[in-house]
PDB file of N, CA and C in Angstrom:
ATOM      1  N   MET A   1     -87.179  -6.502 -45.917  1.00  0.00           N
ATOM      2  CA  MET A   1     -87.534  -5.267 -46.007  1.00  0.00           C
ATOM      3  C   MET A   1     -86.703  -4.581 -45.166  1.00  0.00           C
ATOM      4  N   ASN A   2     -86.482  -3.206 -45.466  1.00  0.00           N
ATOM      5  CA  ASN A   2     -85.380  -2.318 -44.921  1.00  0.00           C
ATOM      6  C   ASN A   2     -86.103  -1.697 -43.798  1.00  0.00           C
ATOM      7  N   PRO A   3     -85.597  -1.814 -42.724  1.00  0.00           N
ATOM      8  CA  PRO A   3     -86.193  -1.239 -41.220  1.00  0.00           C
ATOM      9  C   PRO A   3     -86.330   0.208 -41.562  1.00  0.00           C
ATOM     10  N   LEU A   4     -85.332   0.868 -42.113  1.00  0.00           N
ATOM     11  CA  LEU A   4     -85.534   2.292 -42.260  1.00  0.00           C
ATOM     12  C   LEU A   4     -86.647   2.825 -43.489  1.00  0.00           C
ATOM     13  N   GLY A   5     -86.780   1.794 -44.210  1.00  0.00           N
ATOM     14  CA  GLY A   5     -87.950   2.211 -45.255  1.00  0.00           C
ATOM     15  C   GLY A   5     -89.261   2.077 -44.610  1.00  0.00           C
ATOM     16  N   VAL A   6     -89.382   1.023 -43.642  1.00  0.00           N
ATOM     17  CA  VAL A   6     -90.668   0.805 -42.970  1.00  0.00           C
ATOM     18  C   VAL A   6     -91.014   2.133 -41.935  1.00  0.00           C
ATOM     19  N   SER A   7     -89.981   2.454 -41.311  1.00  0.00           N
ATOM     20  CA  SER A   7     -90.063   3.569 -40.370  1.00  0.00           C
ATOM     21  C   SER A   7     -90.588   4.901 -41.233  1.00  0.00           C
ATOM     22  N   ALA A   8     -89.795   5.127 -42.192  1.00  0.00           N
ATOM     23  CA  ALA A   8     -89.895   6.294 -43.276  1.00  0.00           C
ATOM     24  C   ALA A   8     -91.629   6.231 -43.821  1.00  0.00           C
ATOM     25  N   THR A   9     -91.993   5.133 -43.948  1.00  0.00           N
ATOM     26  CA  THR A   9     -93.380   5.126 -44.282  1.00  0.00           C
ATOM     27  C   THR A   9     -94.358   5.292 -43.319  1.00  0.00           C
ATOM     28  N   ALA A  10     -94.164   4.609 -42.282  1.00  0.00           N
ATOM     29  CA  ALA A  10     -94.691   4.766 -41.030  1.00  0.00           C
ATOM     30  C   ALA A  10     -94.920   6.236 -40.820  1.00  0.00           C
ATOM     31  N   LEU A  11     -93.806   7.017 -40.734  1.00  0.00           N
ATOM     32  CA  LEU A  11     -93.849   8.614 -40.557  1.00  0.00           C
ATOM     33  C   LEU A  11     -94.716   9.323 -41.436  1.00  0.00           C
ATOM     34  N   TRP A  12     -94.743   8.862 -42.784  1.00  0.00           N
ATOM     35  CA  TRP A  12     -95.279   9.631 -43.819  1.00  0.00           C
ATOM     36  C   TRP A  12     -96.848   9.403 -43.483  1.00  0.00           C
ATOM     37  N   CYS A  13     -97.293   8.172 -43.030  1.00  0.00           N
ATOM     38  CA  CYS A  13     -98.713   7.987 -42.893  1.00  0.00           C
ATOM     39  C   CYS A  13     -99.355   8.778 -41.741  1.00  0.00           C
ATOM     40  N   VAL A  14     -98.242   9.008 -40.601  1.00  0.00           N
ATOM     41  CA  VAL A  14     -98.874   9.560 -39.501  1.00  0.00           C
ATOM     42  C   VAL A  14     -98.952  11.224 -39.877  1.00  0.00           C
ATOM     43  N   ILE A  15     -97.901  11.766 -40.702  1.00  0.00           N
ATOM     44  CA  ILE A  15     -97.946  12.979 -41.258  1.00  0.00           C
ATOM     45  C   ILE A  15     -99.209  13.306 -42.010  1.00  0.00           C
ATOM     46  N   ILE A  16     -99.457  12.327 -42.826  1.00  0.00           N
ATOM     47  CA  ILE A  16    -100.429  12.631 -43.627  1.00  0.00           C
ATOM     48  C   ILE A  16    -102.003  12.640 -43.067  1.00  0.00           C
ATOM     49  N   VAL A  17    -102.120  11.650 -41.901  1.00  0.00           N
ATOM     50  CA  VAL A  17    -103.351  11.540 -41.030  1.00  0.00           C
ATOM     51  C   VAL A  17    -103.305  12.830 -40.322  1.00  0.00           C
ATOM     52  N   VAL A  18    -102.245  13.230 -39.581  1.00  0.00           N
ATOM     53  CA  VAL A  18    -102.326  14.645 -38.670  1.00  0.00           C
ATOM     54  C   VAL A  18    -102.679  15.630 -39.624  1.00  0.00           C
ATOM     55  N   GLY A  19    -102.312  15.676 -40.937  1.00  0.00           N
ATOM     56  CA  GLY A  19    -102.585  16.950 -41.586  1.00  0.00           C
ATOM     57  C   GLY A  19    -103.932  16.849 -42.204  1.00  0.00           C
ATOM     58  N   VAL A  20    -104.517  15.623 -42.405  1.00  0.00           N
ATOM     59  CA  VAL A  20    -105.817  15.503 -42.997  1.00  0.00           C
ATOM     60  C   VAL A  20    -107.093  16.115 -41.645  1.00  0.00           C
ATOM     61  N   VAL A  21    -106.697  15.215 -40.743  1.00  0.00           N
ATOM     62  CA  VAL A  21    -107.662  15.255 -39.703  1.00  0.00           C
ATOM     63  C   VAL A  21    -108.256  16.692 -39.299  1.00  0.00           C
ATOM     64  N   PRO A  22    -107.532  17.685 -39.250  1.00  0.00           N
ATOM     65  CA  PRO A  22    -108.054  19.051 -38.975  1.00  0.00           C
ATOM     66  C   PRO A  22    -108.796  19.542 -40.111  1.00  0.00           C
ATOM     67  N   LEU A  23    -108.877  19.061 -41.165  1.00  0.00           N
ATOM     68  CA  LEU A  23    -109.596  19.382 -42.441  1.00  0.00           C
ATOM     69  C   LEU A  23    -110.877  18.955 -42.468  1.00  0.00           C
ATOM     70  N   SER A  24    -111.091  17.693 -41.535  1.00  0.00           N
ATOM     71  CA  SER A  24    -112.454  16.960 -41.486  1.00  0.00           C
ATOM     72  C   SER A  24    -113.290  17.811 -40.655  1.00  0.00           C
ATOM     73  N   ASN A  25    -114.638  17.714 -41.293  1.00  0.00           N
ATOM     74  CA  ASN A  25    -115.612  18.433 -40.496  1.00  0.00           C
ATOM     75  C   ASN A  25    -116.809  17.760 -40.402  1.00  0.00           C
ATOM     76  N   GLY A  26    -117.201  16.912 -39.348  1.00  0.00           N
ATOM     77  CA  GLY A  26    -118.245  16.343 -39.102  1.00  0.00           C
ATOM     78  C   GLY A  26    -119.570  16.594 -38.569  1.00  0.00           C
ATOM     79  N   GLN A  27    -119.694  18.060 -38.542  1.00  0.00           N
ATOM     80  CA  GLN A  27    -120.859  18.477 -38.073  1.00  0.00           C
ATOM     81  C   GLN A  27    -122.145  17.868 -38.875  1.00  0.00           C
ATOM     82  N   LEU A  28    -123.415  17.834 -38.205  1.00  0.00           N
ATOM     83  CA  LEU A  28    -124.561  17.742 -38.886  1.00  0.00           C
ATOM     84  C   LEU A  28    -125.068  18.999 -40.036  1.00  0.00           C
ATOM     85  N   ASP A  29    -125.656  18.713 -40.805  1.00  0.00           N
ATOM     86  CA  ASP A  29    -125.986  19.967 -41.653  1.00  0.00           C
ATOM     87  C   ASP A  29    -127.590  20.000 -41.718  1.00  0.00           C
ATOM     88  N   PRO A  30    -128.191  20.796 -41.400  1.00  0.00           N
ATOM     89  CA  PRO A  30    -129.647  20.922 -41.263  1.00  0.00           C
ATOM     90  C   PRO A  30    -130.133  20.937 -42.707  1.00  0.00           C
ATOM     91  N   SER A  31    -129.325  21.486 -43.728  1.00  0.00           N
ATOM     92  CA  SER A  31    -129.967  21.707 -45.144  1.00  0.00           C
ATOM     93  C   SER A  31    -129.205  20.423 -46.033  1.00  0.00           C
ATOM     94  N   PHE A  32    -128.808  19.515 -45.219  1.00  0.00           N
ATOM     95  CA  PHE A  32    -128.118  18.178 -46.250  1.00  0.00           C
ATOM     96  C   PHE A  32    -129.291  17.732 -47.233  1.00  0.00           C
ATOM     97  N   TYR A  33    -130.619  17.671 -46.873  1.00  0.00           N
ATOM     98  CA  TYR A  33    -131.440  17.015 -47.639  1.00  0.00           C
ATOM     99  C   TYR A  33    -132.363  18.263 -48.559  1.00  0.00           C
ATOM    100  N   ASN A  34    -131.922  19.280 -48.581  1.00  0.00           N
ATOM    101  CA  ASN A  34    -132.585  20.483 -49.218  1.00  0.00           C
ATOM    102  C   ASN A  34    -132.869  20.196 -50.804  1.00  0.00           C
ATOM    103  N   ASN A  35    -131.915  19.447 -51.446  1.00  0.00           N
ATOM    104  CA  ASN A  35    -131.883  19.460 -52.971  1.00  0.00           C
ATOM    105  C   ASN A  35    -132.470  18.040 -53.203  1.00  0.00           C
ATOM    106  N   THR A  36    -132.197  16.941 -52.477  1.00  0.00           N
ATOM    107  CA  THR A  36    -132.779  15.731 -52.426  1.00  0.00           C
ATOM    108  C   THR A  36    -134.125  15.235 -51.953  1.00  0.00           C
ATOM    109  N   CYS A  37    -134.394  15.862 -50.953  1.00  0.00           N
ATOM    110  CA  CYS A  37    -135.856  15.957 -50.354  1.00  0.00           C
ATOM    111  C   CYS A  37    -136.437  17.098 -49.729  1.00  0.00           C
ATOM    112  N   PRO A  38    -136.592  18.144 -50.403  1.00  0.00           N
ATOM    113  CA  PRO A  38    -136.772  19.288 -49.667  1.00  0.00           C
ATOM    114  C   PRO A  38    -137.950  19.340 -48.729  1.00  0.00           C
ATOM    115  N   ASN A  39    -138.925  18.355 -48.678  1.00  0.00           N
ATOM    116  CA  ASN A  39    -140.043  18.386 -47.894  1.00  0.00           C
ATOM    117  C   ASN A  39    -139.717  17.637 -46.381  1.00  0.00           C
ATOM    118  N   LEU A  40    -138.590  17.082 -46.509  1.00  0.00           N
ATOM    119  CA  LEU A  40    -138.291  16.229 -45.341  1.00  0.00           C
ATOM    120  C   LEU A  40    -138.847  16.699 -43.785  1.00  0.00           C
ATOM    121  N   HIS A  41    -138.537  17.705 -43.649  1.00  0.00           N
ATOM    122  CA  HIS A  41    -138.758  18.458 -42.236  1.00  0.00           C
ATOM    123  C   HIS A  41    -140.331  18.741 -42.451  1.00  0.00           C
ATOM    124  N   SER A  42    -140.933  19.280 -43.158  1.00  0.00           N
ATOM    125  CA  SER A  42    -142.675  19.571 -43.213  1.00  0.00           C
ATOM    126  C   SER A  42    -143.140  17.871 -43.032  1.00  0.00           C
ATOM    127  N   VAL A  43    -142.424  16.801 -43.667  1.00  0.00           N
ATOM    128  CA  VAL A  43    -143.243  15.708 -43.584  1.00  0.00           C
ATOM    129  C   VAL A  43    -143.035  14.972 -41.885  1.00  0.00           C
ATOM    130  N   VAL A  44    -141.881  15.089 -41.549  1.00  0.00           N
ATOM    131  CA  VAL A  44    -141.696  14.824 -40.045  1.00  0.00           C
ATOM    132  C   VAL A  44    -142.446  15.606 -39.198  1.00  0.00           C
ATOM    133  N   ARG A  45    -142.521  16.950 -39.379  1.00  0.00           N
ATOM    134  CA  ARG A  45    -143.213  17.592 -38.395  1.00  0.00           C
ATOM    135  C   ARG A  45    -144.648  17.346 -38.495  1.00  0.00           C
ATOM    136  N   GLY A  46    -145.522  17.131 -39.918  1.00  0.00           N
ATOM    137  CA  GLY A  46    -146.674  16.945 -39.942  1.00  0.00           C
ATOM    138  C   GLY A  46    -147.149  15.208 -39.215  1.00  0.00           C
ATOM    139  N   VAL A  47    -146.307  14.573 -39.387  1.00  0.00           N
ATOM    140  CA  VAL A  47    -146.323  13.279 -38.436  1.00  0.00           C
ATOM    141  C   VAL A  47    -146.452  13.481 -37.152  1.00  0.00           C
ATOM    142  N   LEU A  48    -145.602  14.334 -36.601  1.00  0.00           N
ATOM    143  CA  LEU A  48    -145.322  14.356 -35.143  1.00  0.00           C
ATOM    144  C   LEU A  48    -146.447  15.257 -34.504  1.00  0.00           C
ATOM    145  N   SER A  49    -146.953  16.105 -35.584  1.00  0.00           N
ATOM    146  CA  SER A  49    -148.134  17.258 -34.966  1.00  0.00           C
ATOM    147  C   SER A  49    -149.305  16.111 -34.897  1.00  0.00           C
ATOM    148  N   ASN A  50    -149.694  15.255 -35.923  1.00  0.00           N
ATOM    149  CA  ASN A  50    -150.750  14.457 -35.829  1.00  0.00           C
ATOM    150  C   ASN A  50    -150.605  13.290 -34.814  1.00  0.00           C
ATOM    151  N   VAL A  51    -149.393  12.659 -34.641  1.00  0.00           N
ATOM    152  CA  VAL A  51    -149.246  11.726 -33.493  1.00  0.00           C
ATOM    153  C   VAL A  51    -149.751  12.662 -32.197  1.00  0.00           C
ATOM    154  N   SER A  52    -148.953  13.805 -31.836  1.00  0.00           N
ATOM    155  CA  SER A  52    -149.199  14.380 -30.460  1.00  0.00           C
ATOM    156  C   SER A  52    -150.540  14.979 -30.252  1.00  0.00           C
ATOM    157  N   GLN A  53    -151.352  15.030 -31.342  1.00  0.00           N
ATOM    158  CA  GLN A  53    -152.702  15.534 -31.123  1.00  0.00           C
ATOM    159  C   GLN A  53    -153.483  14.338 -30.438  1.00  0.00           C
ATOM    160  N   SER A  54    -153.113  13.056 -31.011  1.00  0.00           N
ATOM    161  CA  SER A  54    -153.871  11.795 -30.612  1.00  0.00           C
ATOM    162  C   SER A  54    -153.295  11.233 -29.338  1.00  0.00           C
ATOM    163  N   ASP A  55    -152.156  11.496 -29.147  1.00  0.00           N
ATOM    164  CA  ASP A  55    -151.216  11.151 -27.787  1.00  0.00           C
ATOM    165  C   ASP A  55    -150.360  12.090 -27.486  1.00  0.00           C
ATOM    166  N   PRO A  56    -150.581  13.232 -26.760  1.00  0.00           N
ATOM    167  CA  PRO A  56    -149.888  14.023 -26.275  1.00  0.00           C
ATOM    168  C   PRO A  56    -148.584  13.803 -25.805  1.00  0.00           C
ATOM    169  N   ARG A  57    -148.582  12.563 -24.746  1.00  0.00           N
ATOM    170  CA  ARG A  57    -147.290  11.999 -24.412  1.00  0.00           C
ATOM    171  C   ARG A  57    -146.181  11.769 -25.200  1.00  0.00           C
ATOM    172  N   MET A  58    -146.624  11.339 -26.717  1.00  0.00           N
ATOM    173  CA  MET A  58    -145.615  11.089 -27.503  1.00  0.00           C
ATOM    174  C   MET A  58    -144.374  11.910 -27.721  1.00  0.00           C
ATOM    175  N   LEU A  59    -144.530  13.126 -27.948  1.00  0.00           N
ATOM    176  CA  LEU A  59    -143.591  14.180 -27.970  1.00  0.00           C
ATOM    177  C   LEU A  59    -142.326  13.732 -26.794  1.00  0.00           C
ATOM    178  N   GLY A  60    -143.054  13.820 -25.929  1.00  0.00           N
ATOM    179  CA  GLY A  60    -142.044  13.528 -24.646  1.00  0.00           C
ATOM    180  C   GLY A  60    -141.544  12.290 -24.630  1.00  0.00           C
ATOM    181  N   SER A  61    -141.990  11.235 -24.954  1.00  0.00           N
ATOM    182  CA  SER A  61    -141.617   9.882 -25.038  1.00  0.00           C
ATOM    183  C   SER A  61    -140.675   9.442 -26.380  1.00  0.00           C
ATOM    184  N   LEU A  62    -140.664  10.126 -27.258  1.00  0.00           N
ATOM    185  CA  LEU A  62    -140.098   9.906 -28.502  1.00  0.00           C
ATOM    186  C   LEU A  62    -138.732   9.500 -28.616  1.00  0.00           C
ATOM    187  N   ILE A  63    -138.143  10.104 -27.552  1.00  0.00           N
ATOM    188  CA  ILE A  63    -136.533   9.765 -27.578  1.00  0.00           C
ATOM    189  C   ILE A  63    -136.616   8.244 -27.140  1.00  0.00           C
ATOM    190  N   ARG A  64    -137.463   8.192 -26.039  1.00  0.00           N
ATOM    191  CA  ARG A  64    -137.349   6.455 -25.622  1.00  0.00           C
ATOM    192  C   ARG A  64    -138.049   5.511 -26.635  1.00  0.00           C
ATOM    193  N   LEU A  65    -138.864   6.113 -27.558  1.00  0.00           N
ATOM    194  CA  LEU A  65    -139.850   5.270 -28.308  1.00  0.00           C
ATOM    195  C   LEU A  65    -139.404   5.364 -29.785  1.00  0.00           C
ATOM    196  N   HIS A  66    -138.066   5.667 -30.183  1.00  0.00           N
ATOM    197  CA  HIS A  66    -137.483   5.818 -31.398  1.00  0.00           C
ATOM    198  C   HIS A  66    -138.049   4.543 -32.402  1.00  0.00           C
ATOM    199  N   PHE A  67    -137.960   3.553 -31.781  1.00  0.00           N
ATOM    200  CA  PHE A  67    -138.047   2.414 -32.485  1.00  0.00           C
ATOM    201  C   PHE A  67    -139.366   1.705 -32.496  1.00  0.00           C
ATOM    202  N   HIS A  68    -140.391   2.428 -32.028  1.00  0.00           N
ATOM    203  CA  HIS A  68    -141.780   1.659 -31.908  1.00  0.00           C
ATOM    204  C   HIS A  68    -142.607   2.310 -33.005  1.00  0.00           C
ATOM    205  N   ASP A  69    -143.830   2.610 -32.986  1.00  0.00           N
ATOM    206  CA  ASP A  69    -144.784   2.697 -33.936  1.00  0.00           C
ATOM    207  C   ASP A  69    -144.641   4.175 -34.363  1.00  0.00           C
ATOM    208  N   CYS A  70    -144.470   5.173 -33.715  1.00  0.00           N
ATOM    209  CA  CYS A  70    -144.350   6.847 -34.042  1.00  0.00           C
ATOM    210  C   CYS A  70    -143.132   6.450 -35.104  1.00  0.00           C
ATOM    211  N   PHE A  71    -142.057   6.060 -34.930  1.00  0.00           N
ATOM    212  CA  PHE A  71    -140.936   6.014 -35.880  1.00  0.00           C
ATOM    213  C   PHE A  71    -141.328   5.280 -37.100  1.00  0.00           C
ATOM    214  N   VAL A  72    -142.174   4.066 -36.954  1.00  0.00           N
ATOM    215  CA  VAL A  72    -142.341   3.435 -38.255  1.00  0.00           C
ATOM    216  C   VAL A  72    -143.468   4.506 -39.042  1.00  0.00           C
ATOM    217  N   GLN A  73    -144.321   5.139 -38.260  1.00  0.00           N
ATOM    218  CA  GLN A  73    -145.224   6.074 -39.130  1.00  0.00           C
ATOM    219  C   GLN A  73    -144.268   7.255 -39.941  1.00  0.00           C
ATOM    220  N   ILE A  74    -143.392   7.646 -39.019  1.00  0.00           N
ATOM    221  CA  ILE A  74    -142.441   8.729 -39.785  1.00  0.00           C
ATOM    222  C   ILE A  74    -141.695   8.224 -41.022  1.00  0.00           C
ATOM    223  N   LYS A  75    -140.863   7.012 -40.778  1.00  0.00           N
ATOM    224  CA  LYS A  75    -140.152   6.456 -41.632  1.00  0.00           C
ATOM    225  C   LYS A  75    -141.139   6.192 -43.005  1.00  0.00           C
ATOM    226  N   SER A  76    -142.160   5.601 -42.827  1.00  0.00           N
ATOM    227  CA  SER A  76    -143.027   5.471 -44.016  1.00  0.00           C
ATOM    228  C   SER A  76    -143.649   6.771 -44.841  1.00  0.00           C
ATOM    229  N   ALA A  77    -143.880   7.619 -44.207  1.00  0.00           N
ATOM    230  CA  ALA A  77    -144.107   9.089 -44.574  1.00  0.00           C
ATOM    231  C   ALA A  77    -142.783   9.655 -45.342  1.00  0.00           C
ATOM    232  N   VAL A  78    -141.747   9.660 -44.659  1.00  0.00           N
ATOM    233  CA  VAL A  78    -140.566   9.975 -45.520  1.00  0.00           C
ATOM    234  C   VAL A  78    -140.122   9.323 -46.535  1.00  0.00           C
ATOM    235  N   GLU A  79    -140.550   7.938 -46.739  1.00  0.00           N
ATOM    236  CA  GLU A  79    -139.950   7.108 -47.843  1.00  0.00           C
ATOM    237  C   GLU A  79    -141.110   7.291 -48.679  1.00  0.00           C
ATOM    238  N   ASN A  80    -142.474   7.749 -48.439  1.00  0.00           N
ATOM    239  CA  ASN A  80    -143.336   8.169 -49.677  1.00  0.00           C
ATOM    240  C   ASN A  80    -142.940   9.233 -50.223  1.00  0.00           C
ATOM    241  N   ALA A  81    -142.355  10.190 -49.672  1.00  0.00           N
ATOM    242  CA  ALA A  81    -142.112  11.614 -50.265  1.00  0.00           C
ATOM    243  C   ALA A  81    -140.637  11.396 -50.442  1.00  0.00           C
ATOM    244  N   CYS A  82    -139.673  10.552 -50.021  1.00  0.00           N
ATOM    245  CA  CYS A  82    -138.235  10.827 -50.577  1.00  0.00           C
ATOM    246  C   CYS A  82    -137.785   9.333 -50.694  1.00  0.00           C
ATOM    247  N   PRO A  83    -138.376   8.255 -51.583  1.00  0.00           N
ATOM    248  CA  PRO A  83    -137.662   7.225 -51.351  1.00  0.00           C
ATOM    249  C   PRO A  83    -136.363   6.737 -51.605  1.00  0.00           C
ATOM    250  N   ALA A  84    -136.001   5.984 -50.395  1.00  0.00           N
ATOM    251  CA  ALA A  84    -134.349   5.586 -50.462  1.00  0.00           C
ATOM    252  C   ALA A  84    -133.372   6.724 -50.568  1.00  0.00           C
ATOM    253  N   ILE A  85    -133.897   7.914 -49.770  1.00  0.00           N
ATOM    254  CA  ILE A  85    -132.781   8.895 -49.634  1.00  0.00           C
ATOM    255  C   ILE A  85    -132.408   9.093 -48.223  1.00  0.00           C
ATOM    256  N   VAL A  86    -133.449   9.199 -47.239  1.00  0.00           N
ATOM    257  CA  VAL A  86    -133.174   9.662 -46.261  1.00  0.00           C
ATOM    258  C   VAL A  86    -132.761   8.604 -45.124  1.00  0.00           C
ATOM    259  N   SER A  87    -131.481   8.733 -44.259  1.00  0.00           N
ATOM    260  CA  SER A  87    -131.279   7.360 -43.446  1.00  0.00           C
ATOM    261  C   SER A  87    -132.187   7.211 -42.342  1.00  0.00           C
ATOM    262  N   CYS A  88    -132.570   6.234 -41.541  1.00  0.00           N
ATOM    263  CA  CYS A  88    -132.965   5.859 -40.454  1.00  0.00           C
ATOM    264  C   CYS A  88    -132.321   6.783 -39.365  1.00  0.00           C
ATOM    265  N   ALA A  89    -131.175   6.979 -39.380  1.00  0.00           N
ATOM    266  CA  ALA A  89    -130.591   7.790 -38.213  1.00  0.00           C
ATOM    267  C   ALA A  89    -130.970   9.125 -38.322  1.00  0.00           C
ATOM    268  N   ASP A  90    -130.906   9.734 -39.652  1.00  0.00           N
ATOM    269  CA  ASP A  90    -131.223  11.261 -39.699  1.00  0.00           C
ATOM    270  C   ASP A  90    -132.716  11.443 -39.515  1.00  0.00           C
ATOM    271  N   ILE A  91    -133.581  10.412 -39.663  1.00  0.00           N
ATOM    272  CA  ILE A  91    -134.772  10.479 -39.444  1.00  0.00           C
ATOM    273  C   ILE A  91    -135.120  10.588 -37.652  1.00  0.00           C
ATOM    274  N   LEU A  92    -134.278   9.616 -37.279  1.00  0.00           N
ATOM    275  CA  LEU A  92    -134.486   9.564 -35.656  1.00  0.00           C
ATOM    276  C   LEU A  92    -134.189  11.164 -35.215  1.00  0.00           C
ATOM    277  N   ALA A  93    -132.782  11.460 -35.718  1.00  0.00           N
ATOM    278  CA  ALA A  93    -132.153  12.890 -35.172  1.00  0.00           C
ATOM    279  C   ALA A  93    -133.363  13.983 -35.198  1.00  0.00           C
ATOM    280  N   LEU A  94    -133.793  14.041 -36.440  1.00  0.00           N
ATOM    281  CA  LEU A  94    -134.849  15.121 -36.885  1.00  0.00           C
ATOM    282  C   LEU A  94    -135.842  14.954 -36.133  1.00  0.00           C
ATOM    283  N   ALA A  95    -136.600  13.750 -35.875  1.00  0.00           N
ATOM    284  CA  ALA A  95    -137.802  13.616 -35.113  1.00  0.00           C
ATOM    285  C   ALA A  95    -137.357  13.883 -33.590  1.00  0.00           C
ATOM    286  N   ALA A  96    -136.223  13.592 -32.964  1.00  0.00           N
ATOM    287  CA  ALA A  96    -136.234  14.305 -31.720  1.00  0.00           C
ATOM    288  C   ALA A  96    -135.974  15.670 -31.435  1.00  0.00           C
ATOM    289  N   GLN A  97    -135.302  16.319 -32.568  1.00  0.00           N
ATOM    290  CA  GLN A  97    -135.106  17.722 -32.523  1.00  0.00           C
ATOM    291  C   GLN A  97    -136.539  18.399 -32.794  1.00  0.00           C
ATOM    292  N   ILE A  98    -137.317  18.046 -33.727  1.00  0.00           N
ATOM    293  CA  ILE A  98    -138.778  18.268 -33.823  1.00  0.00           C
ATOM    294  C   ILE A  98    -139.507  18.280 -32.845  1.00  0.00           C
ATOM    295  N   SER A  99    -139.607  16.889 -32.256  1.00  0.00           N
ATOM    296  CA  SER A  99    -140.344  16.852 -30.986  1.00  0.00           C
ATOM    297  C   SER A  99    -140.154  17.847 -30.140  1.00  0.00           C
ATOM    298  N   THR A 100    -138.577  18.202 -29.685  1.00  0.00           N
ATOM    299  CA  THR A 100    -138.339  19.059 -28.562  1.00  0.00           C
ATOM    300  C   THR A 100    -138.834  20.326 -28.864  1.00  0.00           C
ATOM    301  N   ASP A 101    -138.949  20.766 -30.244  1.00  0.00           N
ATOM    302  CA  ASP A 101    -139.515  21.940 -30.537  1.00  0.00           C
ATOM    303  C   ASP A 101    -140.813  22.019 -30.393  1.00  0.00           C
ATOM    304  N   LEU A 102    -141.667  21.145 -30.704  1.00  0.00           N
ATOM    305  CA  LEU A 102    -143.094  20.743 -30.504  1.00  0.00           C
ATOM    306  C   LEU A 102    -143.389  20.913 -28.986  1.00  0.00           C
ATOM    307  N   ILE A 103    -142.716  20.328 -28.247  1.00  0.00           N
ATOM    308  CA  ILE A 103    -142.978  20.326 -26.679  1.00  0.00           C
ATOM    309  C   ILE A 103    -142.677  21.773 -26.000  1.00  0.00           C
ATOM    310  N   GLU A 104    -141.766  22.546 -26.811  1.00  0.00           N
ATOM    311  CA  GLU A 104    -141.627  23.715 -25.971  1.00  0.00           C
ATOM    312  C   GLU A 104    -142.690  24.774 -26.792  1.00  0.00           C
ATOM    313  N   LYS A 105    -142.899  24.401 -27.802  1.00  0.00           N
ATOM    314  CA  LYS A 105    -144.025  25.447 -28.511  1.00  0.00           C
ATOM    315  C   LYS A 105    -145.566  25.315 -27.550  1.00  0.00           C
ATOM    316  N   ASN A 106    -145.562  23.819 -27.241  1.00  0.00           N
ATOM    317  CA  ASN A 106    -146.875  23.687 -26.609  1.00  0.00           C
ATOM    318  C   ASN A 106    -146.673  23.970 -25.142  1.00  0.00           C
ATOM    319  N   GLY A 107    -145.731  24.432 -24.671  1.00  0.00           N
ATOM    320  CA  GLY A 107    -145.602  24.705 -23.459  1.00  0.00           C
ATOM    321  C   GLY A 107    -145.480  23.757 -22.212  1.00  0.00           C
ATOM    322  N   ARG A 108    -144.941  22.653 -22.717  1.00  0.00           N
ATOM    323  CA  ARG A 108    -144.906  21.471 -21.754  1.00  0.00           C
ATOM    324  C   ARG A 108    -143.549  21.290 -20.968  1.00  0.00           C
ATOM    325  N   ARG A 109    -143.407  20.786 -20.002  1.00  0.00           N
ATOM    326  CA  ARG A 109    -142.221  20.602 -19.427  1.00  0.00           C
ATOM    327  C   ARG A 109    -142.331  19.451 -18.705  1.00  0.00           C
ATOM    328  N   PHE A 110    -141.105  18.488 -18.730  1.00  0.00           N
ATOM    329  CA  PHE A 110    -141.249  17.406 -18.123  1.00  0.00           C
ATOM    330  C   PHE A 110    -139.939  17.444 -17.034  1.00  0.00           C
ATOM    331  N   ASN A 111    -140.367  16.621 -16.005  1.00  0.00           N
ATOM    332  CA  ASN A 111    -139.267  16.858 -14.822  1.00  0.00           C
ATOM    333  C   ASN A 111    -138.309  15.445 -15.025  1.00  0.00           C
ATOM    334  N   THR A 112    -137.020  15.992 -15.486  1.00  0.00           N
ATOM    335  CA  THR A 112    -136.320  14.778 -15.946  1.00  0.00           C
ATOM    336  C   THR A 112    -135.042  14.108 -14.631  1.00  0.00           C
ATOM    337  N   PHE A 113    -135.727  14.652 -13.695  1.00  0.00           N
ATOM    338  CA  PHE A 113    -134.726  14.545 -12.425  1.00  0.00           C
ATOM    339  C   PHE A 113    -135.390  12.848 -11.766  1.00  0.00           C
TER     340      PHE A 113
END
C-alpha cells in the first residue's frame, strides 16, 4: 500500500470528522416524546405526586433511589401509557427533574452539605 495514499485517506477522515462535529447537537429535548408519548410528563408527575403523598421523603431521595421501588412504579406507568417507547434513562432524567420541581413547589429544602 502506498504510504502517501494512507496519509491522504487519514487526512480526509480527520477533515470530515472535524467538519461534522460542530454540526452535531447532543442536547436533551423536552419535547422529544410529544408525538410518540404525549402524556409522558403527566404520567411521571402523577406517580411522583402519589408517592410523595405517602412518603414525603421520596422526592428528595429519588436521585439516590432511582433503581428502587419508585422507579419501578414510574416505569410500569410509562409502559402502560407508551409501551416500548420511552427509555429507562429518559424516565430517570425526567423523574429527577420533576422531583426537583415538586420539592420546590412544596417548599422543602434539604441541606446538601
